[in-house]
Amino acid sequence: MSSTTTLLFYAYVYGLNFDLITLGVFTLTVIAQSFTTPGIPGGAPMPMLPVYVALGVPVEGYILLQTTEPITDLVKTVVNVTGNMTALTIVSRIAGVEEEEESTKQTE
């Protein structure tokens, strides 16, 4: 979703207009390309460049925004980990995992 949000940011800054079909194709392209990029911070800045350029985003704007990627990557990681931990807490409470742990401690 961050790539689609980035595209919408470029559209706002550079006055580009995209219809829903273009956004859908872009999102599918990003999803397909995500399987070929390494899962490390900053692992995929340049493979995405042709996709943005094909939609009319200037190269200078893309490179300029990539310089802030380490900062935004930290924020994305914190949000991702917080979401995962929240989902795990909700699922464990629904499943009653905490109650089972307390009962095993009492029997020991």
PDB file of N, CA and C in Angstrom:
ATOM      1  N   MET A   1       0.808  -1.203   0.000  1.00  0.00           N
ATOM      2  CA  MET A   1       0.000   0.000   0.000  1.00  0.00           C
ATOM      3  C   MET A   1       0.850   1.266   0.000  1.00  0.00           C
ATOM      4  N   SER A   2       2.072   1.158   0.510  1.00  0.00           N
ATOM      5  CA  SER A   2       2.880   2.377   0.554  1.00  0.00           C
ATOM      6  C   SER A   2       3.254   2.851  -0.849  1.00  0.00           C
ATOM      7  N   SER A   3       3.409   1.930  -1.791  1.00  0.00           N
ATOM      8  CA  SER A   3       3.725   2.348  -3.161  1.00  0.00           C
ATOM      9  C   SER A   3       2.550   3.064  -3.802  1.00  0.00           C
ATOM     10  N   THR A   4       1.348   2.570  -3.556  1.00  0.00           N
ATOM     11  CA  THR A   4       0.159   3.234  -4.101  1.00  0.00           C
ATOM     12  C   THR A   4      -0.027   4.600  -3.457  1.00  0.00           C
ATOM     13  N   THR A   5       0.226   4.692  -2.160  1.00  0.00           N
ATOM     14  CA  THR A   5       0.147   5.981  -1.485  1.00  0.00           C
ATOM     15  C   THR A   5       1.200   6.940  -2.026  1.00  0.00           C
ATOM     16  N   THR A   6       2.388   6.425  -2.290  1.00  0.00           N
ATOM     17  CA  THR A   6       3.444   7.247  -2.876  1.00  0.00           C
ATOM     18  C   THR A   6       3.033   7.757  -4.260  1.00  0.00           C
ATOM     19  N   LEU A   7       2.402   6.898  -5.047  1.00  0.00           N
ATOM     20  CA  LEU A   7       1.925   7.327  -6.360  1.00  0.00           C
ATOM     21  C   LEU A   7       0.880   8.433  -6.230  1.00  0.00           C
ATOM     22  N   LEU A   8      -0.016   8.310  -5.261  1.00  0.00           N
ATOM     23  CA  LEU A   8      -1.011   9.366  -5.057  1.00  0.00           C
ATOM     24  C   LEU A   8      -0.358  10.668  -4.600  1.00  0.00           C
ATOM     25  N   PHE A   9       0.722  10.562  -3.823  1.00  0.00           N
ATOM     26  CA  PHE A   9       1.474  11.751  -3.423  1.00  0.00           C
ATOM     27  C   PHE A   9       2.099  12.425  -4.650  1.00  0.00           C
ATOM     28  N   TYR A  10       2.717  11.617  -5.518  1.00  0.00           N
ATOM     29  CA  TYR A  10       3.283  12.173  -6.755  1.00  0.00           C
ATOM     30  C   TYR A  10       2.194  12.814  -7.604  1.00  0.00           C
ATOM     31  N   ALA A  11       1.037  12.182  -7.678  1.00  0.00           N
ATOM     32  CA  ALA A  11      -0.064  12.734  -8.470  1.00  0.00           C
ATOM     33  C   ALA A  11      -0.473  14.099  -7.937  1.00  0.00           C
ATOM     34  N   TYR A  12      -0.488  14.245  -6.624  1.00  0.00           N
ATOM     35  CA  TYR A  12      -0.850  15.527  -6.026  1.00  0.00           C
ATOM     36  C   TYR A  12       0.218  16.578  -6.289  1.00  0.00           C
ATOM     37  N   VAL A  13       1.491  16.215  -6.086  1.00  0.00           N
ATOM     38  CA  VAL A  13       2.585  17.182  -6.220  1.00  0.00           C
ATOM     39  C   VAL A  13       2.759  17.623  -7.672  1.00  0.00           C
ATOM     40  N   TYR A  14       2.688  16.669  -8.606  1.00  0.00           N
ATOM     41  CA  TYR A  14       2.961  16.989 -10.005  1.00  0.00           C
ATOM     42  C   TYR A  14       1.707  17.206 -10.845  1.00  0.00           C
ATOM     43  N   GLY A  15       0.542  17.167 -10.212  1.00  0.00           N
ATOM     44  CA  GLY A  15      -0.699  17.422 -10.939  1.00  0.00           C
ATOM     45  C   GLY A  15      -1.062  16.338 -11.933  1.00  0.00           C
ATOM     46  N   LEU A  16      -0.723  15.096 -11.621  1.00  0.00           N
ATOM     47  CA  LEU A  16      -1.041  13.970 -12.503  1.00  0.00           C
ATOM     48  C   LEU A  16      -2.430  13.442 -12.161  1.00  0.00           C
ATOM     49  N   ASN A  17      -3.154  12.985 -13.173  1.00  0.00           N
ATOM     50  CA  ASN A  17      -4.485  12.430 -12.965  1.00  0.00           C
ATOM     51  C   ASN A  17      -4.479  10.950 -13.325  1.00  0.00           C
ATOM     52  N   PHE A  18      -4.920  10.112 -12.393  1.00  0.00           N
ATOM     53  CA  PHE A  18      -4.991   8.672 -12.631  1.00  0.00           C
ATOM     54  C   PHE A  18      -6.418   8.212 -12.394  1.00  0.00           C
ATOM     55  N   ASP A  19      -6.906   7.340 -13.276  1.00  0.00           N
ATOM     56  CA  ASP A  19      -8.222   6.760 -13.054  1.00  0.00           C
ATOM     57  C   ASP A  19      -8.079   5.482 -12.226  1.00  0.00           C
ATOM     58  N   LEU A  20      -9.194   4.890 -11.851  1.00  0.00           N
ATOM     59  CA  LEU A  20      -9.160   3.709 -10.994  1.00  0.00           C
ATOM     60  C   LEU A  20      -8.502   2.513 -11.672  1.00  0.00           C
ATOM     61  N   ILE A  21      -8.655   2.405 -12.975  1.00  0.00           N
ATOM     62  CA  ILE A  21      -8.034   1.294 -13.695  1.00  0.00           C
ATOM     63  C   ILE A  21      -6.514   1.408 -13.633  1.00  0.00           C
ATOM     64  N   THR A  22      -5.992   2.603 -13.831  1.00  0.00           N
ATOM     65  CA  THR A  22      -4.551   2.821 -13.751  1.00  0.00           C
ATOM     66  C   THR A  22      -4.031   2.507 -12.351  1.00  0.00           C
ATOM     67  N   LEU A  23      -4.737   2.961 -11.332  1.00  0.00           N
ATOM     68  CA  LEU A  23      -4.323   2.658  -9.959  1.00  0.00           C
ATOM     69  C   LEU A  23      -4.388   1.162  -9.677  1.00  0.00           C
ATOM     70  N   GLY A  24      -5.389   0.488 -10.201  1.00  0.00           N
ATOM     71  CA  GLY A  24      -5.502  -0.959 -10.016  1.00  0.00           C
ATOM     72  C   GLY A  24      -4.376  -1.718 -10.688  1.00  0.00           C
ATOM     73  N   VAL A  25      -4.065  -1.339 -11.929  1.00  0.00           N
ATOM     74  CA  VAL A  25      -2.961  -1.984 -12.646  1.00  0.00           C
ATOM     75  C   VAL A  25      -1.637  -1.696 -11.955  1.00  0.00           C
ATOM     76  N   PHE A  26      -1.455  -0.471 -11.476  1.00  0.00           N
ATOM     77  CA  PHE A  26      -0.233  -0.125 -10.749  1.00  0.00           C
ATOM     78  C   PHE A  26      -0.108  -0.983  -9.489  1.00  0.00           C
ATOM     79  N   THR A  27      -1.197  -1.118  -8.742  1.00  0.00           N
ATOM     80  CA  THR A  27      -1.163  -1.910  -7.512  1.00  0.00           C
ATOM     81  C   THR A  27      -0.849  -3.366  -7.808  1.00  0.00           C
ATOM     82  N   LEU A  28      -1.445  -3.929  -8.843  1.00  0.00           N
ATOM     83  CA  LEU A  28      -1.140  -5.309  -9.226  1.00  0.00           C
ATOM     84  C   LEU A  28       0.314  -5.461  -9.667  1.00  0.00           C
ATOM     85  N   THR A  29       0.835  -4.459 -10.363  1.00  0.00           N
ATOM     86  CA  THR A  29       2.242  -4.486 -10.772  1.00  0.00           C
ATOM     87  C   THR A  29       3.164  -4.464  -9.566  1.00  0.00           C
ATOM     88  N   VAL A  30       2.845  -3.629  -8.597  1.00  0.00           N
ATOM     89  CA  VAL A  30       3.663  -3.545  -7.381  1.00  0.00           C
ATOM     90  C   VAL A  30       3.613  -4.861  -6.613  1.00  0.00           C
ATOM     91  N   ILE A  31       2.427  -5.466  -6.530  1.00  0.00           N
ATOM     92  CA  ILE A  31       2.297  -6.749  -5.832  1.00  0.00           C
ATOM     93  C   ILE A  31       3.125  -7.818  -6.546  1.00  0.00           C
ATOM     94  N   ALA A  32       3.025  -7.882  -7.858  1.00  0.00           N
ATOM     95  CA  ALA A  32       3.804  -8.874  -8.617  1.00  0.00           C
ATOM     96  C   ALA A  32       5.301  -8.628  -8.466  1.00  0.00           C
ATOM     97  N   GLN A  33       5.697  -7.376  -8.472  1.00  0.00           N
ATOM     98  CA  GLN A  33       7.122  -7.054  -8.361  1.00  0.00           C
ATOM     99  C   GLN A  33       7.651  -7.277  -6.947  1.00  0.00           C
ATOM    100  N   SER A  34       6.776  -7.263  -5.950  1.00  0.00           N
ATOM    101  CA  SER A  34       7.220  -7.447  -4.570  1.00  0.00           C
ATOM    102  C   SER A  34       7.769  -8.848  -4.330  1.00  0.00           C
ATOM    103  N   PHE A  35       7.401  -9.813  -5.161  1.00  0.00           N
ATOM    104  CA  PHE A  35       7.922 -11.166  -5.008  1.00  0.00           C
ATOM    105  C   PHE A  35       9.363 -11.293  -5.498  1.00  0.00           C
ATOM    106  N   THR A  36       9.847 -10.314  -6.236  1.00  0.00           N
ATOM    107  CA  THR A  36      11.206 -10.384  -6.781  1.00  0.00           C
ATOM    108  C   THR A  36      12.179  -9.436  -6.093  1.00  0.00           C
ATOM    109  N   THR A  37      11.722  -8.723  -5.082  1.00  0.00           N
ATOM    110  CA  THR A  37      12.598  -7.770  -4.404  1.00  0.00           C
ATOM    111  C   THR A  37      13.019  -8.316  -3.047  1.00  0.00           C
ATOM    112  N   PRO A  38      14.223  -7.997  -2.606  1.00  0.00           N
ATOM    113  CA  PRO A  38      14.676  -8.497  -1.304  1.00  0.00           C
ATOM    114  C   PRO A  38      13.920  -7.837  -0.158  1.00  0.00           C
ATOM    115  N   GLY A  39      13.763  -8.571   0.919  1.00  0.00           N
ATOM    116  CA  GLY A  39      13.035  -8.064   2.069  1.00  0.00           C
ATOM    117  C   GLY A  39      13.923  -7.328   3.047  1.00  0.00           C
ATOM    118  N   ILE A  40      14.716  -6.427   2.551  1.00  0.00           N
ATOM    119  CA  ILE A  40      15.613  -5.643   3.394  1.00  0.00           C
ATOM    120  C   ILE A  40      15.284  -4.171   3.220  1.00  0.00           C
ATOM    121  N   PRO A  41      15.594  -3.351   4.221  1.00  0.00           N
ATOM    122  CA  PRO A  41      15.314  -1.916   4.067  1.00  0.00           C
ATOM    123  C   PRO A  41      16.036  -1.329   2.860  1.00  0.00           C
ATOM    124  N   GLY A  42      15.312  -0.624   2.057  1.00  0.00           N
ATOM    125  CA  GLY A  42      15.897  -0.003   0.870  1.00  0.00           C
ATOM    126  C   GLY A  42      16.276  -1.004  -0.197  1.00  0.00           C
ATOM    127  N   GLY A  43      15.650  -2.174  -0.193  1.00  0.00           N
ATOM    128  CA  GLY A  43      16.016  -3.220  -1.130  1.00  0.00           C
ATOM    129  C   GLY A  43      15.421  -3.065  -2.507  1.00  0.00           C
ATOM    130  N   ALA A  44      14.475  -2.174  -2.690  1.00  0.00           N
ATOM    131  CA  ALA A  44      13.804  -2.099  -3.984  1.00  0.00           C
ATOM    132  C   ALA A  44      13.570  -0.686  -4.482  1.00  0.00           C
ATOM    133  N   PRO A  45      14.498   0.248  -4.318  1.00  0.00           N
ATOM    134  CA  PRO A  45      14.181   1.580  -4.837  1.00  0.00           C
ATOM    135  C   PRO A  45      14.280   1.679  -6.356  1.00  0.00           C
ATOM    136  N   MET A  46      15.286   1.127  -6.961  1.00  0.00           N
ATOM    137  CA  MET A  46      15.478   1.316  -8.396  1.00  0.00           C
ATOM    138  C   MET A  46      14.601   0.427  -9.272  1.00  0.00           C
ATOM    139  N   PRO A  47      14.242  -0.805  -8.888  1.00  0.00           N
ATOM    140  CA  PRO A  47      13.329  -1.566  -9.747  1.00  0.00           C
ATOM    141  C   PRO A  47      11.960  -0.910  -9.927  1.00  0.00           C
ATOM    142  N   MET A  48      11.556  -0.050  -9.000  1.00  0.00           N
ATOM    143  CA  MET A  48      10.267   0.620  -9.116  1.00  0.00           C
ATOM    144  C   MET A  48      10.330   1.863 -10.003  1.00  0.00           C
ATOM    145  N   LEU A  49      11.507   2.361 -10.272  1.00  0.00           N
ATOM    146  CA  LEU A  49      11.655   3.594 -11.050  1.00  0.00           C
ATOM    147  C   LEU A  49      10.957   3.523 -12.409  1.00  0.00           C
ATOM    148  N   PRO A  50      11.147   2.462 -13.215  1.00  0.00           N
ATOM    149  CA  PRO A  50      10.461   2.435 -14.519  1.00  0.00           C
ATOM    150  C   PRO A  50       8.937   2.455 -14.416  1.00  0.00           C
ATOM    151  N   VAL A  51       8.406   1.878 -13.349  1.00  0.00           N
ATOM    152  CA  VAL A  51       6.951   1.856 -13.184  1.00  0.00           C
ATOM    153  C   VAL A  51       6.429   3.269 -12.961  1.00  0.00           C
ATOM    154  N   TYR A  52       7.107   4.022 -12.090  1.00  0.00           N
ATOM    155  CA  TYR A  52       6.684   5.400 -11.829  1.00  0.00           C
ATOM    156  C   TYR A  52       6.901   6.296 -13.058  1.00  0.00           C
ATOM    157  N   VAL A  53       8.013   6.113 -13.744  1.00  0.00           N
ATOM    158  CA  VAL A  53       8.299   6.930 -14.928  1.00  0.00           C
ATOM    159  C   VAL A  53       7.267   6.656 -16.022  1.00  0.00           C
ATOM    160  N   ALA A  54       6.831   5.405 -16.150  1.00  0.00           N
ATOM    161  CA  ALA A  54       5.818   5.072 -17.159  1.00  0.00           C
ATOM    162  C   ALA A  54       4.491   5.785 -16.889  1.00  0.00           C
ATOM    163  N   LEU A  55       4.262   6.150 -15.642  1.00  0.00           N
ATOM    164  CA  LEU A  55       3.030   6.861 -15.292  1.00  0.00           C
ATOM    165  C   LEU A  55       3.195   8.374 -15.313  1.00  0.00           C
ATOM    166  N   GLY A  56       4.382   8.859 -15.670  1.00  0.00           N
ATOM    167  CA  GLY A  56       4.589  10.294 -15.822  1.00  0.00           C
ATOM    168  C   GLY A  56       5.250  10.981 -14.651  1.00  0.00           C
ATOM    169  N   VAL A  57       5.732  10.224 -13.671  1.00  0.00           N
ATOM    170  CA  VAL A  57       6.420  10.824 -12.529  1.00  0.00           C
ATOM    171  C   VAL A  57       7.846  11.175 -12.953  1.00  0.00           C
ATOM    172  N   PRO A  58       8.299  12.400 -12.717  1.00  0.00           N
ATOM    173  CA  PRO A  58       9.671  12.771 -13.072  1.00  0.00           C
ATOM    174  C   PRO A  58      10.702  11.978 -12.261  1.00  0.00           C
ATOM    175  N   VAL A  59      11.796  11.641 -12.900  1.00  0.00           N
ATOM    176  CA  VAL A  59      12.862  10.879 -12.239  1.00  0.00           C
ATOM    177  C   VAL A  59      13.392  11.647 -11.030  1.00  0.00           C
ATOM    178  N   GLU A  60      13.522  12.958 -11.164  1.00  0.00           N
ATOM    179  CA  GLU A  60      14.065  13.769 -10.066  1.00  0.00           C
ATOM    180  C   GLU A  60      13.187  13.674  -8.820  1.00  0.00           C
ATOM    181  N   GLY A  61      11.884  13.697  -9.020  1.00  0.00           N
ATOM    182  CA  GLY A  61      10.966  13.603  -7.893  1.00  0.00           C
ATOM    183  C   GLY A  61      11.052  12.250  -7.214  1.00  0.00           C
ATOM    184  N   TYR A  62      11.193  11.200  -8.008  1.00  0.00           N
ATOM    185  CA  TYR A  62      11.308   9.853  -7.444  1.00  0.00           C
ATOM    186  C   TYR A  62      12.579   9.726  -6.612  1.00  0.00           C
ATOM    187  N   ILE A  63      13.697  10.192  -7.152  1.00  0.00           N
ATOM    188  CA  ILE A  63      14.973  10.080  -6.437  1.00  0.00           C
ATOM    189  C   ILE A  63      14.966  10.952  -5.186  1.00  0.00           C
ATOM    190  N   LEU A  64      14.377  12.128  -5.273  1.00  0.00           N
ATOM    191  CA  LEU A  64      14.310  13.003  -4.110  1.00  0.00           C
ATOM    192  C   LEU A  64      13.500  12.369  -2.980  1.00  0.00           C
ATOM    193  N   LEU A  65      12.398  11.742  -3.319  1.00  0.00           N
ATOM    194  CA  LEU A  65      11.592  11.099  -2.289  1.00  0.00           C
ATOM    195  C   LEU A  65      12.284   9.864  -1.714  1.00  0.00           C
ATOM    196  N   GLN A  66      13.102   9.198  -2.515  1.00  0.00           N
ATOM    197  CA  GLN A  66      13.829   8.026  -2.028  1.00  0.00           C
ATOM    198  C   GLN A  66      14.879   8.385  -0.982  1.00  0.00           C
ATOM    199  N   THR A  67      15.315   9.629  -0.964  1.00  0.00           N
ATOM    200  CA  THR A  67      16.300  10.029   0.049  1.00  0.00           C
ATOM    201  C   THR A  67      15.696  10.051   1.447  1.00  0.00           C
ATOM    202  N   THR A  68      14.386  10.175   1.541  1.00  0.00           N
ATOM    203  CA  THR A  68      13.724  10.154   2.851  1.00  0.00           C
ATOM    204  C   THR A  68      13.266   8.749   3.229  1.00  0.00           C
ATOM    205  N   GLU A  69      13.526   7.768   2.408  1.00  0.00           N
ATOM    206  CA  GLU A  69      13.050   6.402   2.642  1.00  0.00           C
ATOM    207  C   GLU A  69      13.535   5.798   3.956  1.00  0.00           C
ATOM    208  N   PRO A  70      14.770   6.011   4.411  1.00  0.00           N
ATOM    209  CA  PRO A  70      15.156   5.433   5.714  1.00  0.00           C
ATOM    210  C   PRO A  70      14.286   5.917   6.871  1.00  0.00           C
ATOM    211  N   ILE A  71      13.851   7.162   6.832  1.00  0.00           N
ATOM    212  CA  ILE A  71      12.996   7.685   7.900  1.00  0.00           C
ATOM    213  C   ILE A  71      11.606   7.051   7.821  1.00  0.00           C
ATOM    214  N   THR A  72      11.040   7.022   6.629  1.00  0.00           N
ATOM    215  CA  THR A  72       9.708   6.446   6.491  1.00  0.00           C
ATOM    216  C   THR A  72       9.729   4.937   6.708  1.00  0.00           C
ATOM    217  N   ASP A  73      10.849   4.288   6.424  1.00  0.00           N
ATOM    218  CA  ASP A  73      10.951   2.852   6.650  1.00  0.00           C
ATOM    219  C   ASP A  73      10.867   2.529   8.141  1.00  0.00           C
ATOM    220  N   LEU A  74      11.450   3.374   8.976  1.00  0.00           N
ATOM    221  CA  LEU A  74      11.348   3.178  10.418  1.00  0.00           C
ATOM    222  C   LEU A  74       9.890   3.270  10.876  1.00  0.00           C
ATOM    223  N   VAL A  75       9.185   4.258  10.369  1.00  0.00           N
ATOM    224  CA  VAL A  75       7.778   4.431  10.745  1.00  0.00           C
ATOM    225  C   VAL A  75       6.945   3.246  10.258  1.00  0.00           C
ATOM    226  N   LYS A  76       7.172   2.798   9.020  1.00  0.00           N
ATOM    227  CA  LYS A  76       6.433   1.650   8.490  1.00  0.00           C
ATOM    228  C   LYS A  76       6.696   0.398   9.315  1.00  0.00           C
ATOM    229  N   THR A  77       7.940   0.207   9.760  1.00  0.00           N
ATOM    230  CA  THR A  77       8.272  -0.964  10.568  1.00  0.00           C
ATOM    231  C   THR A  77       7.567  -0.916  11.913  1.00  0.00           C
ATOM    232  N   VAL A  78       7.561   0.240  12.556  1.00  0.00           N
ATOM    233  CA  VAL A  78       6.882   0.367  13.853  1.00  0.00           C
ATOM    234  C   VAL A  78       5.386   0.095  13.698  1.00  0.00           C
ATOM    235  N   VAL A  79       4.766   0.639  12.664  1.00  0.00           N
ATOM    236  CA  VAL A  79       3.340   0.418  12.445  1.00  0.00           C
ATOM    237  C   VAL A  79       3.067  -1.055  12.158  1.00  0.00           C
ATOM    238  N   ASN A  80       3.918  -1.689  11.352  1.00  0.00           N
ATOM    239  CA  ASN A  80       3.738  -3.091  11.007  1.00  0.00           C
ATOM    240  C   ASN A  80       3.859  -3.984  12.238  1.00  0.00           C
ATOM    241  N   VAL A  81       4.887  -3.779  13.052  1.00  0.00           N
ATOM    242  CA  VAL A  81       5.088  -4.589  14.249  1.00  0.00           C
ATOM    243  C   VAL A  81       3.963  -4.352  15.252  1.00  0.00           C
ATOM    244  N   THR A  82       3.530  -3.117  15.415  1.00  0.00           N
ATOM    245  CA  THR A  82       2.429  -2.814  16.331  1.00  0.00           C
ATOM    246  C   THR A  82       1.145  -3.508  15.884  1.00  0.00           C
ATOM    247  N   GLY A  83       0.880  -3.490  14.602  1.00  0.00           N
ATOM    248  CA  GLY A  83      -0.299  -4.182  14.069  1.00  0.00           C
ATOM    249  C   GLY A  83      -0.231  -5.681  14.286  1.00  0.00           C
ATOM    250  N   ASN A  84       0.943  -6.266  14.047  1.00  0.00           N
ATOM    251  CA  ASN A  84       1.106  -7.705  14.261  1.00  0.00           C
ATOM    252  C   ASN A  84       0.918  -8.077  15.728  1.00  0.00           C
ATOM    253  N   MET A  85       1.490  -7.287  16.624  1.00  0.00           N
ATOM    254  CA  MET A  85       1.365  -7.580  18.052  1.00  0.00           C
ATOM    255  C   MET A  85      -0.078  -7.394  18.533  1.00  0.00           C
ATOM    256  N   THR A  86      -0.769  -6.409  17.990  1.00  0.00           N
ATOM    257  CA  THR A  86      -2.174  -6.199  18.348  1.00  0.00           C
ATOM    258  C   THR A  86      -3.027  -7.373  17.889  1.00  0.00           C
ATOM    259  N   ALA A  87      -2.816  -7.811  16.659  1.00  0.00           N
ATOM    260  CA  ALA A  87      -3.567  -8.964  16.145  1.00  0.00           C
ATOM    261  C   ALA A  87      -3.270 -10.212  16.965  1.00  0.00           C
ATOM    262  N   LEU A  88      -2.023 -10.433  17.330  1.00  0.00           N
ATOM    263  CA  LEU A  88      -1.661 -11.592  18.142  1.00  0.00           C
ATOM    264  C   LEU A  88      -2.321 -11.535  19.512  1.00  0.00           C
ATOM    265  N   THR A  89      -2.355 -10.367  20.116  1.00  0.00           N
ATOM    266  CA  THR A  89      -2.994 -10.214  21.428  1.00  0.00           C
ATOM    267  C   THR A  89      -4.486 -10.501  21.353  1.00  0.00           C
ATOM    268  N   ILE A  90      -5.132  -9.989  20.318  1.00  0.00           N
ATOM    269  CA  ILE A  90      -6.576 -10.210  20.166  1.00  0.00           C
ATOM    270  C   ILE A  90      -6.865 -11.693  19.943  1.00  0.00           C
ATOM    271  N   VAL A  91      -6.098 -12.329  19.081  1.00  0.00           N
ATOM    272  CA  VAL A  91      -6.327 -13.752  18.791  1.00  0.00           C
ATOM    273  C   VAL A  91      -6.050 -14.606  20.024  1.00  0.00           C
ATOM    274  N   SER A  92      -4.985 -14.283  20.764  1.00  0.00           N
ATOM    275  CA  SER A  92      -4.669 -15.085  21.951  1.00  0.00           C
ATOM    276  C   SER A  92      -5.733 -14.914  23.037  1.00  0.00           C
ATOM    277  N   ARG A  93      -6.302 -13.742  23.164  1.00  0.00           N
ATOM    278  CA  ARG A  93      -7.367 -13.540  24.156  1.00  0.00           C
ATOM    279  C   ARG A  93      -8.640 -14.262  23.754  1.00  0.00           C
ATOM    280  N   ILE A  94      -8.938 -14.257  22.455  1.00  0.00           N
ATOM    281  CA  ILE A  94     -10.120 -14.979  21.980  1.00  0.00           C
ATOM    282  C   ILE A  94      -9.930 -16.481  22.176  1.00  0.00           C
ATOM    283  N   ALA A  95      -8.723 -16.963  21.932  1.00  0.00           N
ATOM    284  CA  ALA A  95      -8.440 -18.396  22.053  1.00  0.00           C
ATOM    285  C   ALA A  95      -8.273 -18.833  23.500  1.00  0.00           C
ATOM    286  N   GLY A  96      -8.128 -17.906  24.427  1.00  0.00           N
ATOM    287  CA  GLY A  96      -7.990 -18.249  25.834  1.00  0.00           C
ATOM    288  C   GLY A  96      -6.602 -18.733  26.211  1.00  0.00           C
ATOM    289  N   VAL A  97      -5.586 -18.282  25.503  1.00  0.00           N
ATOM    290  CA  VAL A  97      -4.216 -18.720  25.771  1.00  0.00           C
ATOM    291  C   VAL A  97      -3.762 -18.263  27.140  1.00  0.00           C
ATOM    292  N   GLU A  98      -4.119 -17.087  27.568  1.00  0.00           N
ATOM    293  CA  GLU A  98      -3.691 -16.570  28.872  1.00  0.00           C
ATOM    294  C   GLU A  98      -4.269 -17.418  30.000  1.00  0.00           C
ATOM    295  N   GLU A  99      -5.497 -17.859  29.869  1.00  0.00           N
ATOM    296  CA  GLU A  99      -6.114 -18.677  30.899  1.00  0.00           C
ATOM    297  C   GLU A  99      -5.421 -20.020  31.014  1.00  0.00           C
ATOM    298  N   GLU A 100      -5.029 -20.611  29.900  1.00  0.00           N
ATOM    299  CA  GLU A 100      -4.336 -21.889  29.923  1.00  0.00           C
ATOM    300  C   GLU A 100      -2.976 -21.768  30.608  1.00  0.00           C
ATOM    301  N   GLU A 101      -2.254 -20.690  30.338  1.00  0.00           N
ATOM    302  CA  GLU A 101      -0.945 -20.479  30.955  1.00  0.00           C
ATOM    303  C   GLU A 101      -1.074 -20.339  32.454  1.00  0.00           C
ATOM    304  N   GLU A 102      -2.075 -19.632  32.934  1.00  0.00           N
ATOM    305  CA  GLU A 102      -2.273 -19.447  34.367  1.00  0.00           C
ATOM    306  C   GLU A 102      -2.651 -20.774  35.029  1.00  0.00           C
ATOM    307  N   SER A 103      -3.458 -21.580  34.377  1.00  0.00           N
ATOM    308  CA  SER A 103      -3.856 -22.845  34.976  1.00  0.00           C
ATOM    309  C   SER A 103      -2.679 -23.821  35.046  1.00  0.00           C
ATOM    310  N   THR A 104      -1.769 -23.785  34.073  1.00  0.00           N
ATOM    311  CA  THR A 104      -0.593 -24.670  34.121  1.00  0.00           C
ATOM    312  C   THR A 104       0.385 -24.229  35.201  1.00  0.00           C
ATOM    313  N   LYS A 105       0.463 -22.943  35.489  1.00  0.00           N
ATOM    314  CA  LYS A 105       1.330 -22.457  36.544  1.00  0.00           C
ATOM    315  C   LYS A 105       0.801 -22.883  37.916  1.00  0.00           C
ATOM    316  N   GLN A 106      -0.515 -22.907  38.083  1.00  0.00           N
ATOM    317  CA  GLN A 106      -1.107 -23.274  39.360  1.00  0.00           C
ATOM    318  C   GLN A 106      -0.931 -24.757  39.657  1.00  0.00           C
ATOM    319  N   THR A 107      -0.922 -25.595  38.644  1.00  0.00           N
ATOM    320  CA  THR A 107      -0.763 -27.035  38.859  1.00  0.00           C
ATOM    321  C   THR A 107       0.676 -27.406  39.162  1.00  0.00           C
ATOM    322  N   GLU A 108       1.615 -26.580  38.800  1.00  0.00           N
ATOM    323  CA  GLU A 108       3.027 -26.896  39.040  1.00  0.00           C
ATOM    324  C   GLU A 108       3.421 -26.553  40.388  1.00  0.00           C
TER     325      GLU A 108
END
